[in-house]
Amino acid sequence: MFHLNAWSYYWLAWIMAFLVPELINVFRNPAGTLSETVWAVEHVNISQPFDFRMWTDVHWAVAALVWALFAWLSLHLPFGLLR
């Protein structure tokens, strides 16, 4: 049986601290979302996002970090793998 502990409340607070402002910004101010912030840091040209010749080391580092995090979460959360 699942029992709430300090870590449970920490993760709940962490997720809510991200989701609430993100969802508000999605509907009210899309420029304030996490995606737009990352794209601003990377100086992404939205009209040509897949022009890999223009990508800097920052682009590749952010892409690798996001891909690795997505791969890990995709295996870890639903299946309990990669503990």
PDB file of N, CA and C in Angstrom:
ATOM      1  N   MET A   1       0.835  -1.177   0.000  1.00  0.00           N
ATOM      2  CA  MET A   1       0.000   0.000   0.000  1.00  0.00           C
ATOM      3  C   MET A   1       0.880   1.240   0.000  1.00  0.00           C
ATOM      4  N   PHE A   2       0.444   2.240  -0.737  1.00  0.00           N
ATOM      5  CA  PHE A   2       1.210   3.478  -0.885  1.00  0.00           C
ATOM      6  C   PHE A   2       0.962   4.398   0.304  1.00  0.00           C
ATOM      7  N   HIS A   3       2.035   4.908   0.881  1.00  0.00           N
ATOM      8  CA  HIS A   3       1.933   5.852   1.996  1.00  0.00           C
ATOM      9  C   HIS A   3       2.639   7.144   1.598  1.00  0.00           C
ATOM     10  N   LEU A   4       2.003   8.264   1.869  1.00  0.00           N
ATOM     11  CA  LEU A   4       2.631   9.544   1.569  1.00  0.00           C
ATOM     12  C   LEU A   4       3.729   9.829   2.581  1.00  0.00           C
ATOM     13  N   ASN A   5       4.829  10.342   2.077  1.00  0.00           N
ATOM     14  CA  ASN A   5       5.929  10.735   2.941  1.00  0.00           C
ATOM     15  C   ASN A   5       6.434  12.102   2.482  1.00  0.00           C
ATOM     16  N   ALA A   6       7.520  12.565   3.039  1.00  0.00           N
ATOM     17  CA  ALA A   6       8.045  13.889   2.692  1.00  0.00           C
ATOM     18  C   ALA A   6       8.383  13.992   1.208  1.00  0.00           C
ATOM     19  N   TRP A   7       8.932  12.920   0.631  1.00  0.00           N
ATOM     20  CA  TRP A   7       9.271  12.947  -0.796  1.00  0.00           C
ATOM     21  C   TRP A   7       8.024  13.030  -1.664  1.00  0.00           C
ATOM     22  N   SER A   8       6.961  12.397  -1.258  1.00  0.00           N
ATOM     23  CA  SER A   8       5.714  12.460  -2.017  1.00  0.00           C
ATOM     24  C   SER A   8       5.217  13.896  -2.111  1.00  0.00           C
ATOM     25  N   TYR A   9       5.262  14.597  -0.996  1.00  0.00           N
ATOM     26  CA  TYR A   9       4.829  15.994  -0.981  1.00  0.00           C
ATOM     27  C   TYR A   9       5.795  16.885  -1.754  1.00  0.00           C
ATOM     28  N   TYR A  10       7.080  16.570  -1.694  1.00  0.00           N
ATOM     29  CA  TYR A  10       8.070  17.324  -2.458  1.00  0.00           C
ATOM     30  C   TYR A  10       7.781  17.219  -3.956  1.00  0.00           C
ATOM     31  N   TRP A  11       7.582  15.982  -4.451  1.00  0.00           N
ATOM     32  CA  TRP A  11       7.338  15.804  -5.881  1.00  0.00           C
ATOM     33  C   TRP A  11       6.011  16.415  -6.298  1.00  0.00           C
ATOM     34  N   LEU A  12       5.001  16.312  -5.472  1.00  0.00           N
ATOM     35  CA  LEU A  12       3.725  16.952  -5.769  1.00  0.00           C
ATOM     36  C   LEU A  12       3.899  18.462  -5.882  1.00  0.00           C
ATOM     37  N   ALA A  13       4.606  19.060  -4.941  1.00  0.00           N
ATOM     38  CA  ALA A  13       4.846  20.504  -4.979  1.00  0.00           C
ATOM     39  C   ALA A  13       5.675  20.884  -6.203  1.00  0.00           C
ATOM     40  N   TRP A  14       6.676  20.066  -6.534  1.00  0.00           N
ATOM     41  CA  TRP A  14       7.542  20.347  -7.677  1.00  0.00           C
ATOM     42  C   TRP A  14       6.743  20.319  -8.982  1.00  0.00           C
ATOM     43  N   ILE A  15       5.923  19.301  -9.147  1.00  0.00           N
ATOM     44  CA  ILE A  15       5.110  19.179 -10.364  1.00  0.00           C
ATOM     45  C   ILE A  15       4.104  20.319 -10.449  1.00  0.00           C
ATOM     46  N   MET A  16       3.448  20.637  -9.348  1.00  0.00           N
ATOM     47  CA  MET A  16       2.457  21.714  -9.346  1.00  0.00           C
ATOM     48  C   MET A  16       3.116  23.072  -9.605  1.00  0.00           C
ATOM     49  N   ALA A  17       4.315  23.274  -9.067  1.00  0.00           N
ATOM     50  CA  ALA A  17       5.022  24.539  -9.275  1.00  0.00           C
ATOM     51  C   ALA A  17       5.384  24.720 -10.748  1.00  0.00           C
ATOM     52  N   PHE A  18       5.538  23.642 -11.479  1.00  0.00           N
ATOM     53  CA  PHE A  18       5.788  23.733 -12.921  1.00  0.00           C
ATOM     54  C   PHE A  18       4.489  23.799 -13.708  1.00  0.00           C
ATOM     55  N   LEU A  19       3.572  22.895 -13.427  1.00  0.00           N
ATOM     56  CA  LEU A  19       2.366  22.778 -14.246  1.00  0.00           C
ATOM     57  C   LEU A  19       1.438  23.986 -14.174  1.00  0.00           C
ATOM     58  N   VAL A  20       1.234  24.516 -12.984  1.00  0.00           N
ATOM     59  CA  VAL A  20       0.286  25.621 -12.850  1.00  0.00           C
ATOM     60  C   VAL A  20       0.720  26.833 -13.679  1.00  0.00           C
ATOM     61  N   PRO A  21       1.945  27.360 -13.498  1.00  0.00           N
ATOM     62  CA  PRO A  21       2.325  28.508 -14.335  1.00  0.00           C
ATOM     63  C   PRO A  21       2.436  28.153 -15.821  1.00  0.00           C
ATOM     64  N   GLU A  22       2.864  26.932 -16.115  1.00  0.00           N
ATOM     65  CA  GLU A  22       2.994  26.534 -17.524  1.00  0.00           C
ATOM     66  C   GLU A  22       1.633  26.526 -18.204  1.00  0.00           C
ATOM     67  N   LEU A  23       0.625  25.935 -17.577  1.00  0.00           N
ATOM     68  CA  LEU A  23      -0.706  25.887 -18.175  1.00  0.00           C
ATOM     69  C   LEU A  23      -1.338  27.271 -18.263  1.00  0.00           C
ATOM     70  N   ILE A  24      -1.112  28.106 -17.268  1.00  0.00           N
ATOM     71  CA  ILE A  24      -1.617  29.488 -17.347  1.00  0.00           C
ATOM     72  C   ILE A  24      -0.992  30.198 -18.532  1.00  0.00           C
ATOM     73  N   ASN A  25       0.321  30.044 -18.695  1.00  0.00           N
ATOM     74  CA  ASN A  25       1.005  30.705 -19.811  1.00  0.00           C
ATOM     75  C   ASN A  25       0.603  30.140 -21.163  1.00  0.00           C
ATOM     76  N   VAL A  26       0.316  28.856 -21.238  1.00  0.00           N
ATOM     77  CA  VAL A  26      -0.109  28.263 -22.508  1.00  0.00           C
ATOM     78  C   VAL A  26      -1.353  28.984 -23.037  1.00  0.00           C
ATOM     79  N   PHE A  27      -2.271  29.293 -22.141  1.00  0.00           N
ATOM     80  CA  PHE A  27      -3.529  29.901 -22.561  1.00  0.00           C
ATOM     81  C   PHE A  27      -3.517  31.422 -22.548  1.00  0.00           C
ATOM     82  N   ARG A  28      -2.713  32.045 -21.706  1.00  0.00           N
ATOM     83  CA  ARG A  28      -2.740  33.501 -21.583  1.00  0.00           C
ATOM     84  C   ARG A  28      -1.549  34.199 -22.222  1.00  0.00           C
ATOM     85  N   ASN A  29      -0.365  33.589 -22.114  1.00  0.00           N
ATOM     86  CA  ASN A  29       0.851  34.229 -22.602  1.00  0.00           C
ATOM     87  C   ASN A  29       1.826  33.165 -23.088  1.00  0.00           C
ATOM     88  N   PRO A  30       1.625  32.650 -24.297  1.00  0.00           N
ATOM     89  CA  PRO A  30       2.499  31.571 -24.793  1.00  0.00           C
ATOM     90  C   PRO A  30       3.991  31.925 -24.783  1.00  0.00           C
ATOM     91  N   ALA A  31       4.324  33.194 -24.803  1.00  0.00           N
ATOM     92  CA  ALA A  31       5.735  33.592 -24.781  1.00  0.00           C
ATOM     93  C   ALA A  31       6.381  33.300 -23.435  1.00  0.00           C
ATOM     94  N   GLY A  32       5.596  33.020 -22.396  1.00  0.00           N
ATOM     95  CA  GLY A  32       6.142  32.740 -21.084  1.00  0.00           C
ATOM     96  C   GLY A  32       6.286  31.265 -20.768  1.00  0.00           C
ATOM     97  N   THR A  33       6.060  30.397 -21.742  1.00  0.00           N
ATOM     98  CA  THR A  33       6.160  28.953 -21.506  1.00  0.00           C
ATOM     99  C   THR A  33       7.624  28.513 -21.464  1.00  0.00           C
ATOM    100  N   LEU A  34       7.841  27.310 -20.951  1.00  0.00           N
ATOM    101  CA  LEU A  34       9.190  26.752 -20.892  1.00  0.00           C
ATOM    102  C   LEU A  34       9.782  26.624 -22.289  1.00  0.00           C
ATOM    103  N   SER A  35       8.977  26.181 -23.257  1.00  0.00           N
ATOM    104  CA  SER A  35       9.458  26.025 -24.627  1.00  0.00           C
ATOM    105  C   SER A  35       9.980  27.343 -25.179  1.00  0.00           C
ATOM    106  N   GLU A  36       9.195  28.388 -25.042  1.00  0.00           N
ATOM    107  CA  GLU A  36       9.607  29.690 -25.569  1.00  0.00           C
ATOM    108  C   GLU A  36      10.864  30.197 -24.871  1.00  0.00           C
ATOM    109  N   THR A  37      10.987  29.935 -23.587  1.00  0.00           N
ATOM    110  CA  THR A  37      12.173  30.358 -22.846  1.00  0.00           C
ATOM    111  C   THR A  37      13.410  29.627 -23.343  1.00  0.00           C
ATOM    112  N   VAL A  38      13.295  28.319 -23.536  1.00  0.00           N
ATOM    113  CA  VAL A  38      14.430  27.546 -24.048  1.00  0.00           C
ATOM    114  C   VAL A  38      14.781  28.006 -25.455  1.00  0.00           C
ATOM    115  N   TRP A  39      13.776  28.225 -26.295  1.00  0.00           N
ATOM    116  CA  TRP A  39      14.048  28.675 -27.665  1.00  0.00           C
ATOM    117  C   TRP A  39      14.714  30.042 -27.678  1.00  0.00           C
ATOM    118  N   ALA A  40      14.351  30.908 -26.733  1.00  0.00           N
ATOM    119  CA  ALA A  40      14.990  32.226 -26.654  1.00  0.00           C
ATOM    120  C   ALA A  40      16.460  32.079 -26.260  1.00  0.00           C
ATOM    121  N   VAL A  41      16.756  31.183 -25.312  1.00  0.00           N
ATOM    122  CA  VAL A  41      18.144  30.953 -24.895  1.00  0.00           C
ATOM    123  C   VAL A  41      18.962  30.397 -26.063  1.00  0.00           C
ATOM    124  N   GLU A  42      18.342  29.506 -26.846  1.00  0.00           N
ATOM    125  CA  GLU A  42      19.035  28.896 -27.981  1.00  0.00           C
ATOM    126  C   GLU A  42      19.056  29.786 -29.215  1.00  0.00           C
ATOM    127  N   HIS A  43      18.294  30.867 -29.213  1.00  0.00           N
ATOM    128  CA  HIS A  43      18.144  31.747 -30.385  1.00  0.00           C
ATOM    129  C   HIS A  43      17.638  30.953 -31.593  1.00  0.00           C
ATOM    130  N   VAL A  44      16.600  30.151 -31.357  1.00  0.00           N
ATOM    131  CA  VAL A  44      16.032  29.325 -32.419  1.00  0.00           C
ATOM    132  C   VAL A  44      15.323  30.192 -33.438  1.00  0.00           C
ATOM    133  N   ASN A  45      15.567  29.908 -34.699  1.00  0.00           N
ATOM    134  CA  ASN A  45      14.838  30.542 -35.787  1.00  0.00           C
ATOM    135  C   ASN A  45      13.591  29.688 -36.022  1.00  0.00           C
ATOM    136  N   ILE A  46      12.453  30.143 -35.518  1.00  0.00           N
ATOM    137  CA  ILE A  46      11.221  29.357 -35.560  1.00  0.00           C
ATOM    138  C   ILE A  46      10.802  29.043 -36.996  1.00  0.00           C
ATOM    139  N   SER A  47      11.171  29.884 -37.943  1.00  0.00           N
ATOM    140  CA  SER A  47      10.782  29.611 -39.331  1.00  0.00           C
ATOM    141  C   SER A  47      11.578  28.450 -39.927  1.00  0.00           C
ATOM    142  N   GLN A  48      12.740  28.130 -39.346  1.00  0.00           N
ATOM    143  CA  GLN A  48      13.566  27.011 -39.827  1.00  0.00           C
ATOM    144  C   GLN A  48      14.163  26.243 -38.644  1.00  0.00           C
ATOM    145  N   PRO A  49      13.325  25.593 -37.817  1.00  0.00           N
ATOM    146  CA  PRO A  49      13.862  24.942 -36.613  1.00  0.00           C
ATOM    147  C   PRO A  49      14.730  23.722 -36.898  1.00  0.00           C
ATOM    148  N   PHE A  50      14.591  23.118 -38.085  1.00  0.00           N
ATOM    149  CA  PHE A  50      15.363  21.904 -38.390  1.00  0.00           C
ATOM    150  C   PHE A  50      16.537  22.167 -39.321  1.00  0.00           C
ATOM    151  N   ASP A  51      16.982  23.412 -39.372  1.00  0.00           N
ATOM    152  CA  ASP A  51      18.174  23.730 -40.146  1.00  0.00           C
ATOM    153  C   ASP A  51      19.380  23.431 -39.259  1.00  0.00           C
ATOM    154  N   PHE A  52      19.779  22.143 -39.235  1.00  0.00           N
ATOM    155  CA  PHE A  52      20.813  21.677 -38.317  1.00  0.00           C
ATOM    156  C   PHE A  52      22.165  22.334 -38.547  1.00  0.00           C
ATOM    157  N   ARG A  53      22.392  22.857 -39.739  1.00  0.00           N
ATOM    158  CA  ARG A  53      23.662  23.536 -40.005  1.00  0.00           C
ATOM    159  C   ARG A  53      23.803  24.793 -39.147  1.00  0.00           C
ATOM    160  N   MET A  54      22.675  25.383 -38.736  1.00  0.00           N
ATOM    161  CA  MET A  54      22.699  26.605 -37.941  1.00  0.00           C
ATOM    162  C   MET A  54      22.753  26.332 -36.438  1.00  0.00           C
ATOM    163  N   TRP A  55      22.618  25.075 -36.037  1.00  0.00           N
ATOM    164  CA  TRP A  55      22.598  24.745 -34.608  1.00  0.00           C
ATOM    165  C   TRP A  55      23.981  24.967 -33.991  1.00  0.00           C
ATOM    166  N   THR A  56      23.978  25.554 -32.806  1.00  0.00           N
ATOM    167  CA  THR A  56      25.220  25.760 -32.061  1.00  0.00           C
ATOM    168  C   THR A  56      25.411  24.604 -31.080  1.00  0.00           C
ATOM    169  N   ASP A  57      26.498  24.650 -30.334  1.00  0.00           N
ATOM    170  CA  ASP A  57      26.730  23.636 -29.309  1.00  0.00           C
ATOM    171  C   ASP A  57      25.626  23.658 -28.256  1.00  0.00           C
ATOM    172  N   VAL A  58      25.077  24.845 -27.978  1.00  0.00           N
ATOM    173  CA  VAL A  58      23.981  24.952 -27.008  1.00  0.00           C
ATOM    174  C   VAL A  58      22.752  24.207 -27.517  1.00  0.00           C
ATOM    175  N   HIS A  59      22.442  24.337 -28.815  1.00  0.00           N
ATOM    176  CA  HIS A  59      21.311  23.609 -29.395  1.00  0.00           C
ATOM    177  C   HIS A  59      21.470  22.107 -29.191  1.00  0.00           C
ATOM    178  N   TRP A  60      22.643  21.604 -29.545  1.00  0.00           N
ATOM    179  CA  TRP A  60      22.884  20.167 -29.437  1.00  0.00           C
ATOM    180  C   TRP A  60      22.862  19.700 -27.992  1.00  0.00           C
ATOM    181  N   ALA A  61      23.403  20.491 -27.077  1.00  0.00           N
ATOM    182  CA  ALA A  61      23.410  20.114 -25.661  1.00  0.00           C
ATOM    183  C   ALA A  61      21.990  20.055 -25.101  1.00  0.00           C
ATOM    184  N   VAL A  62      21.183  21.056 -25.422  1.00  0.00           N
ATOM    185  CA  VAL A  62      19.794  21.064 -24.942  1.00  0.00           C
ATOM    186  C   VAL A  62      19.019  19.903 -25.561  1.00  0.00           C
ATOM    187  N   ALA A  63      19.204  19.667 -26.852  1.00  0.00           N
ATOM    188  CA  ALA A  63      18.505  18.570 -27.527  1.00  0.00           C
ATOM    189  C   ALA A  63      18.899  17.222 -26.910  1.00  0.00           C
ATOM    190  N   ALA A  64      20.182  17.008 -26.679  1.00  0.00           N
ATOM    191  CA  ALA A  64      20.640  15.744 -26.085  1.00  0.00           C
ATOM    192  C   ALA A  64      20.082  15.573 -24.674  1.00  0.00           C
ATOM    193  N   LEU A  65      20.059  16.644 -23.891  1.00  0.00           N
ATOM    194  CA  LEU A  65      19.518  16.582 -22.537  1.00  0.00           C
ATOM    195  C   LEU A  65      18.029  16.244 -22.552  1.00  0.00           C
ATOM    196  N   VAL A  66      17.271  16.893 -23.414  1.00  0.00           N
ATOM    197  CA  VAL A  66      15.828  16.635 -23.499  1.00  0.00           C
ATOM    198  C   VAL A  66      15.560  15.219 -24.000  1.00  0.00           C
ATOM    199  N   TRP A  67      16.294  14.769 -25.019  1.00  0.00           N
ATOM    200  CA  TRP A  67      16.104  13.409 -25.543  1.00  0.00           C
ATOM    201  C   TRP A  67      16.431  12.361 -24.482  1.00  0.00           C
ATOM    202  N   ALA A  68      17.517  12.578 -23.733  1.00  0.00           N
ATOM    203  CA  ALA A  68      17.898  11.628 -22.684  1.00  0.00           C
ATOM    204  C   ALA A  68      16.856  11.601 -21.563  1.00  0.00           C
ATOM    205  N   LEU A  69      16.380  12.769 -21.156  1.00  0.00           N
ATOM    206  CA  LEU A  69      15.362  12.833 -20.110  1.00  0.00           C
ATOM    207  C   LEU A  69      14.068  12.158 -20.574  1.00  0.00           C
ATOM    208  N   PHE A  70      13.662  12.412 -21.804  1.00  0.00           N
ATOM    209  CA  PHE A  70      12.449  11.791 -22.339  1.00  0.00           C
ATOM    210  C   PHE A  70      12.598  10.273 -22.412  1.00  0.00           C
ATOM    211  N   ALA A  71      13.743   9.802 -22.870  1.00  0.00           N
ATOM    212  CA  ALA A  71      13.964   8.352 -22.964  1.00  0.00           C
ATOM    213  C   ALA A  71      13.906   7.720 -21.574  1.00  0.00           C
ATOM    214  N   TRP A  72      14.566   8.351 -20.606  1.00  0.00           N
ATOM    215  CA  TRP A  72      14.560   7.805 -19.250  1.00  0.00           C
ATOM    216  C   TRP A  72      13.148   7.801 -18.669  1.00  0.00           C
ATOM    217  N   LEU A  73      12.432   8.930 -18.768  1.00  0.00           N
ATOM    218  CA  LEU A  73      11.069   9.003 -18.221  1.00  0.00           C
ATOM    219  C   LEU A  73      10.131   8.029 -18.922  1.00  0.00           C
ATOM    220  N   SER A  74      10.323   7.835 -20.223  1.00  0.00           N
ATOM    221  CA  SER A  74       9.461   6.923 -20.981  1.00  0.00           C
ATOM    222  C   SER A  74       9.607   5.476 -20.521  1.00  0.00           C
ATOM    223  N   LEU A  75      10.771   5.114 -20.038  1.00  0.00           N
ATOM    224  CA  LEU A  75      10.988   3.755 -19.538  1.00  0.00           C
ATOM    225  C   LEU A  75      10.767   3.655 -18.036  1.00  0.00           C
ATOM    226  N   HIS A  76      11.121   4.690 -17.323  1.00  0.00           N
ATOM    227  CA  HIS A  76      11.083   4.631 -15.860  1.00  0.00           C
ATOM    228  C   HIS A  76       9.669   4.768 -15.289  1.00  0.00           C
ATOM    229  N   LEU A  77       8.931   5.794 -15.681  1.00  0.00           N
ATOM    230  CA  LEU A  77       7.640   6.028 -15.064  1.00  0.00           C
ATOM    231  C   LEU A  77       6.608   4.940 -15.355  1.00  0.00           C
ATOM    232  N   PRO A  78       6.377   4.548 -16.616  1.00  0.00           N
ATOM    233  CA  PRO A  78       5.345   3.545 -16.834  1.00  0.00           C
ATOM    234  C   PRO A  78       5.737   2.113 -16.472  1.00  0.00           C
ATOM    235  N   PHE A  79       7.035   1.801 -16.573  1.00  0.00           N
ATOM    236  CA  PHE A  79       7.468   0.406 -16.418  1.00  0.00           C
ATOM    237  C   PHE A  79       8.361   0.161 -15.213  1.00  0.00           C
ATOM    238  N   GLY A  80       8.833   1.211 -14.547  1.00  0.00           N
ATOM    239  CA  GLY A  80       9.724   1.045 -13.400  1.00  0.00           C
ATOM    240  C   GLY A  80      11.123   0.623 -13.782  1.00  0.00           C
ATOM    241  N   LEU A  81      11.485   0.791 -15.044  1.00  0.00           N
ATOM    242  CA  LEU A  81      12.824   0.403 -15.497  1.00  0.00           C
ATOM    243  C   LEU A  81      13.818   1.524 -15.224  1.00  0.00           C
ATOM    244  N   LEU A  82      15.084   1.221 -15.321  1.00  0.00           N
ATOM    245  CA  LEU A  82      16.184   2.174 -15.155  1.00  0.00           C
ATOM    246  C   LEU A  82      16.185   2.799 -13.765  1.00  0.00           C
ATOM    247  N   ARG A  83      15.980   1.994 -12.767  1.00  0.00           N
ATOM    248  CA  ARG A  83      15.994   2.503 -11.383  1.00  0.00           C
ATOM    249  C   ARG A  83      17.386   2.793 -10.933  1.00  0.00           C
TER     250      ARG A  83
END
